[in-house]
Amino acid sequence: MLKADLRNFFERMSDETHLQSDFSMITTLIWQVVAQSEGDAIAQLRVLRFLENLHQDIREAHFQPALPTDRHGLHNLLKEIETNGGWPYIPKMDLRTFLALENEKNQAVEVDPG
């Protein structure tokens, strides 16, 4: 079902009036999946991997082929990027940060007598 919803989303992307409601629908679906796996780190990791892969697939299969080939189009794209939030990026937590967070969590559990 999610795949069909995403297909419909991309088919309607050119219609600006549907864009925000489509983003809202996708966000709701993703949060439902996240809520269903609350407390399950492996499942949460799968959600993050899914989103990262989706980001990469969209970039490679749809965004890059749609890049402008003339100066005017490039100017408009760069103006959009500069004006409305920069380049989309999905940061990854590095291993040191992950281990530091786990260490902090473990220390908090040791201190908490309850």
C-alpha atoms as a PDB file:
ATOM      1  CA  MET A   1       0.000   0.000   0.000  1.00  0.00           C
ATOM      2  CA  LEU A   2       2.780   2.439   0.861  1.00  0.00           C
ATOM      3  CA  LYS A   3       4.408   1.878  -2.533  1.00  0.00           C
ATOM      4  CA  ALA A   4       1.164   2.712  -4.360  1.00  0.00           C
ATOM      5  CA  ASP A   5       0.715   5.808  -2.186  1.00  0.00           C
ATOM      6  CA  LEU A   6       4.247   6.954  -3.035  1.00  0.00           C
ATOM      7  CA  ARG A   7       3.633   6.340  -6.742  1.00  0.00           C
ATOM      8  CA  ASN A   8       0.502   8.507  -6.576  1.00  0.00           C
ATOM      9  CA  PHE A   9       2.474  11.133  -4.702  1.00  0.00           C
ATOM     10  CA  PHE A  10       5.112  11.416  -7.421  1.00  0.00           C
ATOM     11  CA  GLU A  11       2.508  11.470 -10.173  1.00  0.00           C
ATOM     12  CA  ARG A  12       0.863  14.471  -8.501  1.00  0.00           C
ATOM     13  CA  MET A  13       4.060  16.298  -7.482  1.00  0.00           C
ATOM     14  CA  SER A  14       3.707  18.791 -10.293  1.00  0.00           C
ATOM     15  CA  ASP A  15       0.374  19.872  -8.836  1.00  0.00           C
ATOM     16  CA  GLU A  16       1.537  22.259  -6.093  1.00  0.00           C
ATOM     17  CA  THR A  17      -1.819  22.287  -4.303  1.00  0.00           C
ATOM     18  CA  HIS A  18      -1.448  18.606  -3.384  1.00  0.00           C
ATOM     19  CA  LEU A  19       2.175  18.774  -2.301  1.00  0.00           C
ATOM     20  CA  GLN A  20       1.712  19.668   1.380  1.00  0.00           C
ATOM     21  CA  SER A  21      -1.149  17.223   1.915  1.00  0.00           C
ATOM     22  CA  ASP A  22       0.890  14.477   0.228  1.00  0.00           C
ATOM     23  CA  PHE A  23       3.881  15.214   2.474  1.00  0.00           C
ATOM     24  CA  SER A  24       1.565  15.090   5.457  1.00  0.00           C
ATOM     25  CA  MET A  25       0.171  11.714   4.345  1.00  0.00           C
ATOM     26  CA  ILE A  26       3.660  10.241   3.874  1.00  0.00           C
ATOM     27  CA  THR A  27       4.812  11.617   7.223  1.00  0.00           C
ATOM     28  CA  THR A  28       1.786  10.085   8.959  1.00  0.00           C
ATOM     29  CA  LEU A  29       2.452   6.682   7.379  1.00  0.00           C
ATOM     30  CA  ILE A  30       6.093   6.735   8.409  1.00  0.00           C
ATOM     31  CA  TRP A  31       5.247   7.771  11.975  1.00  0.00           C
ATOM     32  CA  GLN A  32       2.751   4.899  12.153  1.00  0.00           C
ATOM     33  CA  VAL A  33       5.495   2.441  11.223  1.00  0.00           C
ATOM     34  CA  VAL A  34       7.831   4.031  13.785  1.00  0.00           C
ATOM     35  CA  ALA A  35       5.158   3.844  16.504  1.00  0.00           C
ATOM     36  CA  GLN A  36       4.501   0.162  15.756  1.00  0.00           C
ATOM     37  CA  SER A  37       8.148  -0.614  16.423  1.00  0.00           C
ATOM     38  CA  GLU A  38       8.598   1.639  19.460  1.00  0.00           C
ATOM     39  CA  GLY A  39      11.341   0.315  21.732  1.00  0.00           C
ATOM     40  CA  ASP A  40      12.723  -2.056  19.070  1.00  0.00           C
ATOM     41  CA  ALA A  41      16.101  -0.651  18.014  1.00  0.00           C
ATOM     42  CA  ILE A  42      16.486  -3.128  15.137  1.00  0.00           C
ATOM     43  CA  ALA A  43      13.103  -2.163  13.680  1.00  0.00           C
ATOM     44  CA  GLN A  44      13.888   1.538  14.118  1.00  0.00           C
ATOM     45  CA  LEU A  45      17.206   0.983  12.337  1.00  0.00           C
ATOM     46  CA  ARG A  46      15.303  -0.648   9.461  1.00  0.00           C
ATOM     47  CA  VAL A  47      13.076   2.429   9.189  1.00  0.00           C
ATOM     48  CA  LEU A  48      16.133   4.700   9.058  1.00  0.00           C
ATOM     49  CA  ARG A  49      17.753   2.483   6.417  1.00  0.00           C
ATOM     50  CA  PHE A  50      14.541   2.508   4.397  1.00  0.00           C
ATOM     51  CA  LEU A  51      14.433   6.306   4.460  1.00  0.00           C
ATOM     52  CA  GLU A  52      18.103   6.554   3.512  1.00  0.00           C
ATOM     53  CA  ASN A  53      17.621   4.127   0.600  1.00  0.00           C
ATOM     54  CA  LEU A  54      14.508   5.978  -0.531  1.00  0.00           C
ATOM     55  CA  HIS A  55      16.444   9.252  -0.454  1.00  0.00           C
ATOM     56  CA  GLN A  56      19.225   7.719  -2.556  1.00  0.00           C
ATOM     57  CA  ASP A  57      16.792   6.130  -5.025  1.00  0.00           C
ATOM     58  CA  ILE A  58      14.902   9.390  -5.538  1.00  0.00           C
ATOM     59  CA  ARG A  59      18.147  11.317  -5.972  1.00  0.00           C
ATOM     60  CA  GLU A  60      19.648   8.894  -8.493  1.00  0.00           C
ATOM     61  CA  ALA A  61      16.565   7.846 -10.462  1.00  0.00           C
ATOM     62  CA  HIS A  62      14.510  11.035 -10.474  1.00  0.00           C
ATOM     63  CA  PHE A  63      16.377  14.111  -9.243  1.00  0.00           C
ATOM     64  CA  GLN A  64      19.653  13.759 -11.129  1.00  0.00           C
ATOM     65  CA  PRO A  65      17.977  13.103 -14.502  1.00  0.00           C
ATOM     66  CA  ALA A  66      15.777  16.161 -13.916  1.00  0.00           C
ATOM     67  CA  LEU A  67      18.708  18.525 -13.294  1.00  0.00           C
ATOM     68  CA  PRO A  68      18.664  21.541 -15.604  1.00  0.00           C
ATOM     69  CA  THR A  69      20.834  21.582 -18.680  1.00  0.00           C
ATOM     70  CA  ASP A  70      20.897  25.354 -19.219  1.00  0.00           C
ATOM     71  CA  ARG A  71      22.051  28.361 -17.183  1.00  0.00           C
ATOM     72  CA  HIS A  72      18.552  29.692 -16.567  1.00  0.00           C
ATOM     73  CA  GLY A  73      17.345  26.383 -15.161  1.00  0.00           C
ATOM     74  CA  LEU A  74      20.477  25.998 -13.049  1.00  0.00           C
ATOM     75  CA  HIS A  75      20.033  29.537 -11.704  1.00  0.00           C
ATOM     76  CA  ASN A  76      16.433  28.763 -10.730  1.00  0.00           C
ATOM     77  CA  LEU A  77      17.446  25.532  -9.009  1.00  0.00           C
ATOM     78  CA  LEU A  78      20.267  27.174  -7.061  1.00  0.00           C
ATOM     79  CA  LYS A  79      17.945  30.021  -6.086  1.00  0.00           C
ATOM     80  CA  GLU A  80      15.406  27.476  -4.797  1.00  0.00           C
ATOM     81  CA  ILE A  81      18.092  25.643  -2.818  1.00  0.00           C
ATOM     82  CA  GLU A  82      19.407  28.864  -1.298  1.00  0.00           C
ATOM     83  CA  THR A  83      15.983  30.311  -0.525  1.00  0.00           C
ATOM     84  CA  ASN A  84      14.164  27.257   0.796  1.00  0.00           C
ATOM     85  CA  GLY A  85      16.436  25.281   3.033  1.00  0.00           C
ATOM     86  CA  GLY A  86      19.588  24.168   1.316  1.00  0.00           C
ATOM     87  CA  TRP A  87      20.565  20.780   0.003  1.00  0.00           C
ATOM     88  CA  PRO A  88      18.648  17.750   1.321  1.00  0.00           C
ATOM     89  CA  TYR A  89      20.862  15.568   3.453  1.00  0.00           C
ATOM     90  CA  ILE A  90      20.293  12.594   5.739  1.00  0.00           C
ATOM     91  CA  PRO A  91      23.065  12.574   8.343  1.00  0.00           C
ATOM     92  CA  LYS A  92      24.257   9.302   9.815  1.00  0.00           C
ATOM     93  CA  MET A  93      25.180   8.868  13.451  1.00  0.00           C
ATOM     94  CA  ASP A  94      28.803   7.819  13.668  1.00  0.00           C
ATOM     95  CA  LEU A  95      29.882   4.948  15.883  1.00  0.00           C
ATOM     96  CA  ARG A  96      31.623   7.183  18.448  1.00  0.00           C
ATOM     97  CA  THR A  97      28.455   9.222  18.979  1.00  0.00           C
ATOM     98  CA  PHE A  98      26.375   6.050  19.263  1.00  0.00           C
ATOM     99  CA  LEU A  99      28.747   4.569  21.861  1.00  0.00           C
ATOM    100  CA  ALA A 100      28.856   7.839  23.827  1.00  0.00           C
ATOM    101  CA  LEU A 101      25.058   7.960  23.943  1.00  0.00           C
ATOM    102  CA  GLU A 102      24.909   4.334  25.084  1.00  0.00           C
ATOM    103  CA  ASN A 103      27.505   5.056  27.762  1.00  0.00           C
ATOM    104  CA  GLU A 104      25.492   8.058  29.015  1.00  0.00           C
ATOM    105  CA  LYS A 105      22.318   5.964  29.063  1.00  0.00           C
ATOM    106  CA  ASN A 106      24.045   3.172  31.008  1.00  0.00           C
ATOM    107  CA  GLN A 107      25.468   5.647  33.527  1.00  0.00           C
ATOM    108  CA  ALA A 108      22.012   7.174  34.030  1.00  0.00           C
ATOM    109  CA  VAL A 109      20.569   3.715  34.706  1.00  0.00           C
ATOM    110  CA  GLU A 110      23.313   2.984  37.279  1.00  0.00           C
ATOM    111  CA  VAL A 111      22.609   6.268  39.102  1.00  0.00           C
ATOM    112  CA  ASP A 112      18.814   5.828  39.082  1.00  0.00           C
ATOM    113  CA  PRO A 113      17.890   3.543  41.989  1.00  0.00           C
ATOM    114  CA  GLY A 114      14.350   3.008  40.610  1.00  0.00           C
END
